[in-house]
Amino acid sequence: MDINNLTSEDIKYLIESLKHPSNLFSINDIRNKLISLNLERIKEDSVVVGESDGIEYILHVFVSSTFYLQKRYSIHLRLKSNHEQIVRVDVGQGHHNPDGYPDTRHSDHIHIYNPDIVPHDRIAFPLPQAKFPNVNSIVDAFDSFLEYTNIKNKGGS
């Protein structure tokens, strides 16, 4: 797989492949900050490693400094080597897509790497309710994101 020229099949594989945090503490630290609701501003990264292919990813969580006024946050998974975003979930903010794509200007949404468009994360789609049932809770959304991207938090959540 050429991670600088990913195909749709590659992206599906990368999302579905099993991943583990290289440092369990960092995932738990992020989750604990989210649980504590001390959310003046969070901008945290954790390295995640693909179990079968050794690909390194960055799991990133960003919480707006105005979270209590407007519940706004983002969680994404990107490749460490070239910083291409594989999946990004944005809550509390809209996204303006080009004509012909879903209207997500006023909705929570998900970006999935698209090899046919540059930048590859340009298009957003409505957040699938079945996969992200409770984005009102940032902790639940974080856990849903870990499940969606197949990041297994060894030792518990």
C-alpha atoms as a PDB file:
ATOM      1  CA  MET A   1       0.000   0.000   0.000  1.00  0.00           C
ATOM      2  CA  ASP A   2       1.335   3.417  -0.971  1.00  0.00           C
ATOM      3  CA  ILE A   3       0.185   5.726   1.821  1.00  0.00           C
ATOM      4  CA  ASN A   4       0.885   8.760  -0.364  1.00  0.00           C
ATOM      5  CA  ASN A   5      -1.546   7.490  -3.025  1.00  0.00           C
ATOM      6  CA  LEU A   6      -4.358   5.805  -1.150  1.00  0.00           C
ATOM      7  CA  THR A   7      -7.344   4.234  -2.857  1.00  0.00           C
ATOM      8  CA  SER A   8     -10.884   3.901  -1.515  1.00  0.00           C
ATOM      9  CA  GLU A   9     -10.131   0.259  -0.709  1.00  0.00           C
ATOM     10  CA  ASP A  10      -7.000   1.317   1.199  1.00  0.00           C
ATOM     11  CA  ILE A  11      -9.033   3.795   3.261  1.00  0.00           C
ATOM     12  CA  LYS A  12     -11.630   1.164   4.097  1.00  0.00           C
ATOM     13  CA  TYR A  13      -8.833  -1.180   5.181  1.00  0.00           C
ATOM     14  CA  LEU A  14      -7.142   1.529   7.282  1.00  0.00           C
ATOM     15  CA  ILE A  15     -10.386   2.399   9.076  1.00  0.00           C
ATOM     16  CA  GLU A  16     -11.317  -1.226   9.720  1.00  0.00           C
ATOM     17  CA  SER A  17      -7.872  -2.543  10.644  1.00  0.00           C
ATOM     18  CA  LEU A  18      -7.178  -3.149  14.313  1.00  0.00           C
ATOM     19  CA  LYS A  19      -5.152  -0.436  16.008  1.00  0.00           C
ATOM     20  CA  HIS A  20      -3.691  -0.088  19.480  1.00  0.00           C
ATOM     21  CA  PRO A  21      -2.352   2.974  21.292  1.00  0.00           C
ATOM     22  CA  SER A  22       1.420   2.868  21.504  1.00  0.00           C
ATOM     23  CA  ASN A  23       1.035   4.503  24.914  1.00  0.00           C
ATOM     24  CA  LEU A  24      -2.115   3.440  26.748  1.00  0.00           C
ATOM     25  CA  PHE A  25      -1.730   6.272  29.226  1.00  0.00           C
ATOM     26  CA  SER A  26      -2.178   8.915  26.523  1.00  0.00           C
ATOM     27  CA  ILE A  27      -5.578   7.542  25.429  1.00  0.00           C
ATOM     28  CA  ASN A  28      -6.720   7.289  29.043  1.00  0.00           C
ATOM     29  CA  ASP A  29      -5.359  10.770  29.721  1.00  0.00           C
ATOM     30  CA  ILE A  30      -7.414  12.207  26.866  1.00  0.00           C
ATOM     31  CA  ARG A  31     -10.513  10.354  28.028  1.00  0.00           C
ATOM     32  CA  ASN A  32      -9.998  11.498  31.635  1.00  0.00           C
ATOM     33  CA  LYS A  33      -9.693  15.126  30.532  1.00  0.00           C
ATOM     34  CA  LEU A  34     -12.949  14.741  28.633  1.00  0.00           C
ATOM     35  CA  ILE A  35     -14.631  13.107  31.642  1.00  0.00           C
ATOM     36  CA  SER A  36     -13.406  15.809  34.029  1.00  0.00           C
ATOM     37  CA  LEU A  37     -15.162  18.429  31.914  1.00  0.00           C
ATOM     38  CA  ASN A  38     -12.243  20.735  32.496  1.00  0.00           C
ATOM     39  CA  LEU A  39     -12.608  21.721  28.884  1.00  0.00           C
ATOM     40  CA  GLU A  40     -11.319  25.248  28.742  1.00  0.00           C
ATOM     41  CA  ARG A  41      -9.370  24.040  25.744  1.00  0.00           C
ATOM     42  CA  ILE A  42      -8.058  20.626  24.855  1.00  0.00           C
ATOM     43  CA  LYS A  43      -5.709  19.918  21.997  1.00  0.00           C
ATOM     44  CA  GLU A  44      -4.314  16.437  22.542  1.00  0.00           C
ATOM     45  CA  ASP A  45      -2.578  13.828  20.407  1.00  0.00           C
ATOM     46  CA  SER A  46      -1.883  10.154  20.901  1.00  0.00           C
ATOM     47  CA  VAL A  47       0.080   7.806  18.654  1.00  0.00           C
ATOM     48  CA  VAL A  48      -1.820   4.714  17.535  1.00  0.00           C
ATOM     49  CA  VAL A  49      -0.231   1.786  15.699  1.00  0.00           C
ATOM     50  CA  GLY A  50      -1.896  -0.574  13.232  1.00  0.00           C
ATOM     51  CA  GLU A  51      -1.616  -4.087  14.624  1.00  0.00           C
ATOM     52  CA  SER A  52      -1.085  -5.993  11.394  1.00  0.00           C
ATOM     53  CA  ASP A  53       0.757  -3.402   9.305  1.00  0.00           C
ATOM     54  CA  GLY A  54       2.626  -1.242  11.826  1.00  0.00           C
ATOM     55  CA  ILE A  55       1.296   1.998  10.306  1.00  0.00           C
ATOM     56  CA  GLU A  56       1.453   4.853  12.789  1.00  0.00           C
ATOM     57  CA  TYR A  57      -1.514   7.169  13.183  1.00  0.00           C
ATOM     58  CA  ILE A  58      -2.146  10.268  15.249  1.00  0.00           C
ATOM     59  CA  LEU A  59      -5.395  10.350  17.184  1.00  0.00           C
ATOM     60  CA  HIS A  60      -6.221  14.011  17.782  1.00  0.00           C
ATOM     61  CA  VAL A  61      -8.901  15.639  19.917  1.00  0.00           C
ATOM     62  CA  PHE A  62      -9.628  19.356  19.810  1.00  0.00           C
ATOM     63  CA  VAL A  63     -12.121  21.041  22.101  1.00  0.00           C
ATOM     64  CA  SER A  64     -12.948  24.698  21.476  1.00  0.00           C
ATOM     65  CA  SER A  65     -12.122  27.178  24.204  1.00  0.00           C
ATOM     66  CA  THR A  66     -15.793  28.224  24.037  1.00  0.00           C
ATOM     67  CA  PHE A  67     -17.066  24.664  24.599  1.00  0.00           C
ATOM     68  CA  TYR A  68     -19.439  25.672  27.391  1.00  0.00           C
ATOM     69  CA  LEU A  69     -21.054  28.352  25.248  1.00  0.00           C
ATOM     70  CA  GLN A  70     -21.176  26.298  22.084  1.00  0.00           C
ATOM     71  CA  LYS A  71     -20.502  22.558  22.269  1.00  0.00           C
ATOM     72  CA  ARG A  72     -17.836  22.438  19.577  1.00  0.00           C
ATOM     73  CA  TYR A  73     -15.175  19.783  19.186  1.00  0.00           C
ATOM     74  CA  SER A  74     -13.329  17.652  16.651  1.00  0.00           C
ATOM     75  CA  ILE A  75     -11.825  14.162  16.797  1.00  0.00           C
ATOM     76  CA  HIS A  76      -9.660  12.836  14.012  1.00  0.00           C
ATOM     77  CA  LEU A  77      -7.293  10.098  12.960  1.00  0.00           C
ATOM     78  CA  ARG A  78      -4.479  10.957  10.577  1.00  0.00           C
ATOM     79  CA  LEU A  79      -1.421   9.215   9.224  1.00  0.00           C
ATOM     80  CA  LYS A  80       1.686  10.154  11.176  1.00  0.00           C
ATOM     81  CA  SER A  81       4.002  10.039   8.162  1.00  0.00           C
ATOM     82  CA  ASN A  82       2.206  12.554   5.944  1.00  0.00           C
ATOM     83  CA  HIS A  83      -0.552  13.990   8.188  1.00  0.00           C
ATOM     84  CA  GLU A  84      -3.339  12.971   5.798  1.00  0.00           C
ATOM     85  CA  GLN A  85      -6.597  12.774   7.703  1.00  0.00           C
ATOM     86  CA  ILE A  86      -8.297   9.388   7.400  1.00  0.00           C
ATOM     87  CA  VAL A  87     -11.417  10.236   9.445  1.00  0.00           C
ATOM     88  CA  ARG A  88     -12.526  13.433  11.171  1.00  0.00           C
ATOM     89  CA  VAL A  89     -15.696  14.031  13.165  1.00  0.00           C
ATOM     90  CA  ASP A  90     -16.776  17.631  13.729  1.00  0.00           C
ATOM     91  CA  VAL A  91     -19.489  18.439  16.259  1.00  0.00           C
ATOM     92  CA  GLY A  92     -21.059  21.846  16.799  1.00  0.00           C
ATOM     93  CA  GLN A  93     -19.877  23.332  13.545  1.00  0.00           C
ATOM     94  CA  GLY A  94     -21.082  23.173  10.002  1.00  0.00           C
ATOM     95  CA  HIS A  95     -19.120  22.574   6.833  1.00  0.00           C
ATOM     96  CA  HIS A  96     -19.735  24.023   3.386  1.00  0.00           C
ATOM     97  CA  ASN A  97     -19.428  21.354   0.707  1.00  0.00           C
ATOM     98  CA  PRO A  98     -19.130  22.038  -3.011  1.00  0.00           C
ATOM     99  CA  ASP A  99     -22.307  21.765  -5.088  1.00  0.00           C
ATOM    100  CA  GLY A 100     -23.487  18.203  -5.607  1.00  0.00           C
ATOM    101  CA  TYR A 101     -22.563  17.019  -2.119  1.00  0.00           C
ATOM    102  CA  PRO A 102     -24.710  16.823   1.031  1.00  0.00           C
ATOM    103  CA  ASP A 103     -25.564  20.062   2.817  1.00  0.00           C
ATOM    104  CA  THR A 104     -23.721  19.934   6.135  1.00  0.00           C
ATOM    105  CA  ARG A 105     -23.595  23.680   6.799  1.00  0.00           C
ATOM    106  CA  HIS A 106     -25.701  23.319   9.933  1.00  0.00           C
ATOM    107  CA  SER A 107     -25.002  19.799  11.095  1.00  0.00           C
ATOM    108  CA  ASP A 108     -22.502  17.588  12.826  1.00  0.00           C
ATOM    109  CA  HIS A 109     -20.540  15.737  10.183  1.00  0.00           C
ATOM    110  CA  ILE A 110     -17.785  13.304   9.282  1.00  0.00           C
ATOM    111  CA  HIS A 111     -14.937  13.659   6.801  1.00  0.00           C
ATOM    112  CA  ILE A 112     -13.478  10.486   5.301  1.00  0.00           C
ATOM    113  CA  TYR A 113     -10.397  10.584   3.097  1.00  0.00           C
ATOM    114  CA  ASN A 114     -11.435  10.644  -0.549  1.00  0.00           C
ATOM    115  CA  PRO A 115      -8.662   9.851  -3.059  1.00  0.00           C
ATOM    116  CA  ASP A 116     -10.555  11.577  -5.882  1.00  0.00           C
ATOM    117  CA  ILE A 117     -10.632  15.053  -4.302  1.00  0.00           C
ATOM    118  CA  VAL A 118      -7.892  17.407  -3.149  1.00  0.00           C
ATOM    119  CA  PRO A 119      -7.636  18.110  -0.323  1.00  0.00           C
ATOM    120  CA  HIS A 120      -8.653  14.543   0.435  1.00  0.00           C
ATOM    121  CA  ASP A 121     -10.781  15.489   3.464  1.00  0.00           C
ATOM    122  CA  ARG A 122     -12.646  18.304   1.685  1.00  0.00           C
ATOM    123  CA  ILE A 123     -16.076  16.649   1.621  1.00  0.00           C
ATOM    124  CA  ALA A 124     -18.217  16.162   4.716  1.00  0.00           C
ATOM    125  CA  PHE A 125     -21.190  13.858   5.192  1.00  0.00           C
ATOM    126  CA  PRO A 126     -23.864  13.925   7.876  1.00  0.00           C
ATOM    127  CA  LEU A 127     -22.673  12.093  10.948  1.00  0.00           C
ATOM    128  CA  PRO A 128     -24.189   8.578  10.947  1.00  0.00           C
ATOM    129  CA  GLN A 129     -26.496   8.434  13.985  1.00  0.00           C
ATOM    130  CA  ALA A 130     -26.127   4.650  14.249  1.00  0.00           C
ATOM    131  CA  LYS A 131     -22.341   4.936  14.645  1.00  0.00           C
ATOM    132  CA  PHE A 132     -22.362   8.127  16.754  1.00  0.00           C
ATOM    133  CA  PRO A 133     -25.585   7.939  18.771  1.00  0.00           C
ATOM    134  CA  ASN A 134     -24.736  10.542  21.430  1.00  0.00           C
ATOM    135  CA  VAL A 135     -22.516  13.416  20.331  1.00  0.00           C
ATOM    136  CA  ASN A 136     -24.020  15.569  23.085  1.00  0.00           C
ATOM    137  CA  SER A 137     -21.622  13.703  25.373  1.00  0.00           C
ATOM    138  CA  ILE A 138     -18.056  14.280  24.242  1.00  0.00           C
ATOM    139  CA  VAL A 139     -16.953  11.146  26.135  1.00  0.00           C
ATOM    140  CA  ASP A 140     -19.545   9.021  24.314  1.00  0.00           C
ATOM    141  CA  ALA A 141     -18.491  10.553  20.996  1.00  0.00           C
ATOM    142  CA  PHE A 142     -14.833   9.824  21.764  1.00  0.00           C
ATOM    143  CA  ASP A 143     -15.673   6.211  22.594  1.00  0.00           C
ATOM    144  CA  SER A 144     -17.777   5.932  19.407  1.00  0.00           C
ATOM    145  CA  PHE A 145     -14.853   7.311  17.394  1.00  0.00           C
ATOM    146  CA  LEU A 146     -12.477   4.741  18.894  1.00  0.00           C
ATOM    147  CA  GLU A 147     -14.946   2.013  17.961  1.00  0.00           C
ATOM    148  CA  TYR A 148     -15.555   3.424  14.458  1.00  0.00           C
ATOM    149  CA  THR A 149     -11.820   3.544  13.704  1.00  0.00           C
ATOM    150  CA  ASN A 150     -11.175   0.196  15.414  1.00  0.00           C
ATOM    151  CA  ILE A 151      -8.814   1.580  18.051  1.00  0.00           C
ATOM    152  CA  LYS A 152      -8.722  -0.900  20.889  1.00  0.00           C
ATOM    153  CA  ASN A 153      -7.877   0.556  24.246  1.00  0.00           C
ATOM    154  CA  LYS A 154      -6.097  -2.373  25.895  1.00  0.00           C
ATOM    155  CA  GLY A 155      -6.760  -2.439  29.592  1.00  0.00           C
ATOM    156  CA  GLY A 156     -10.181  -0.815  29.382  1.00  0.00           C
ATOM    157  CA  SER A 157     -11.695   2.539  28.564  1.00  0.00           C
END
